[in-house]
Protein backbone atom coordinates (compact mmCIF):
# COMPACT_ATOMS: atom_id res chain seq x y z
CA MET A 1 -164.32 -52.70 45.90
CA TYR A 2 -164.56 -52.94 49.69
CA VAL A 3 -166.96 -50.00 49.79
CA THR A 4 -169.37 -51.73 47.41
CA ASP A 5 -169.17 -54.95 49.44
CA THR A 6 -169.95 -52.98 52.59
CA LEU A 7 -172.86 -51.19 50.96
CA GLN A 8 -174.21 -54.51 49.69
CA ALA A 9 -174.03 -55.99 53.20
CA ILE A 10 -175.81 -52.95 54.66
CA ALA A 11 -178.54 -53.15 52.03
CA GLU A 12 -179.05 -56.88 52.59
CA ASN A 13 -179.05 -56.53 56.37
CA THR A 14 -181.77 -53.93 55.99
CA ALA A 15 -183.72 -55.82 53.33
CA VAL A 16 -183.75 -59.26 54.96
CA PRO A 17 -185.82 -58.23 58.03
CA ALA A 18 -188.16 -56.34 55.69
CA ALA A 19 -188.60 -59.53 53.65
CA SER A 20 -190.93 -60.82 56.34
CA PHE A 21 -193.53 -58.47 54.86
CA THR A 22 -193.16 -60.14 51.45
CA ASP A 23 -193.38 -63.79 52.58
CA GLY A 24 -189.55 -63.98 52.56
CA LYS A 25 -189.39 -63.89 48.77
CA HIS A 26 -187.27 -60.73 48.63
CA GLY A 27 -184.30 -59.40 50.51
CA LYS A 28 -181.26 -60.22 48.40
CA ALA A 29 -179.98 -56.89 47.09
CA MET A 30 -177.55 -58.19 44.46
CA THR A 31 -176.92 -61.68 43.18
CA ARG A 32 -173.27 -60.93 42.34
CA ARG A 33 -170.55 -58.76 43.80
CA TRP A 34 -170.00 -55.44 42.04
CA ALA A 35 -166.34 -56.36 41.51
CA GLU A 36 -167.44 -59.46 39.57
CA LYS A 37 -170.04 -57.76 37.37
CA ASP A 38 -167.82 -57.73 34.27
CA LYS A 39 -166.68 -61.34 34.61
CA PRO A 40 -168.76 -63.77 32.60
CA ALA A 41 -170.49 -66.57 34.45
CA PRO A 42 -168.76 -69.95 34.17
CA PRO A 43 -170.16 -72.10 31.39
CA GLU A 44 -172.82 -74.62 32.29
CA GLU A 45 -171.51 -78.20 32.61
CA THR A 46 -172.80 -80.26 29.70
CA ARG A 47 -170.79 -83.46 30.18
CA THR A 48 -172.30 -86.58 31.70
CA PRO A 49 -170.79 -87.95 34.92
CA GLU A 50 -169.20 -90.77 32.91
CA GLU A 51 -167.53 -88.25 30.57
CA VAL A 52 -166.18 -86.29 33.54
CA ILE A 53 -164.73 -89.45 35.09
CA GLU A 54 -163.19 -90.42 31.75
CA HIS A 55 -161.65 -86.96 31.41
CA VAL A 56 -160.19 -87.05 34.94
CA ILE A 57 -158.72 -90.52 34.39
CA GLY A 58 -157.20 -89.35 31.09
CA ARG A 59 -155.63 -86.29 32.75
CA LEU A 60 -154.24 -88.45 35.57
CA LYS A 61 -152.65 -90.76 33.02
CA GLU A 62 -151.07 -87.75 31.28
CA VAL A 63 -149.66 -86.42 34.54
CA SER A 64 -148.32 -89.78 35.69
CA GLY A 65 -146.76 -90.48 32.29
CA ASN A 66 -148.62 -93.72 31.62
C-alpha cells in the first residue's frame, strides 16, 4: 500500500510540471488511491437540507431519550 502511494506521488510530481504544456488540464495520475480501488464510492446525497436537519433532530431526540 505504501509503495503504491509513493509511486502515485512520484508520478504526480513528475506530471504536474509537465501539465504546463497542456494548459494545466492534465497532471493528476490517479483520482483514487490504489488501496481504495475496490471500495465503492459513497452514495450521492439525495435529501434536501430540511430533510437532513429533520433527521439530525430526530436522532438527537433518540439519543437524549425525549
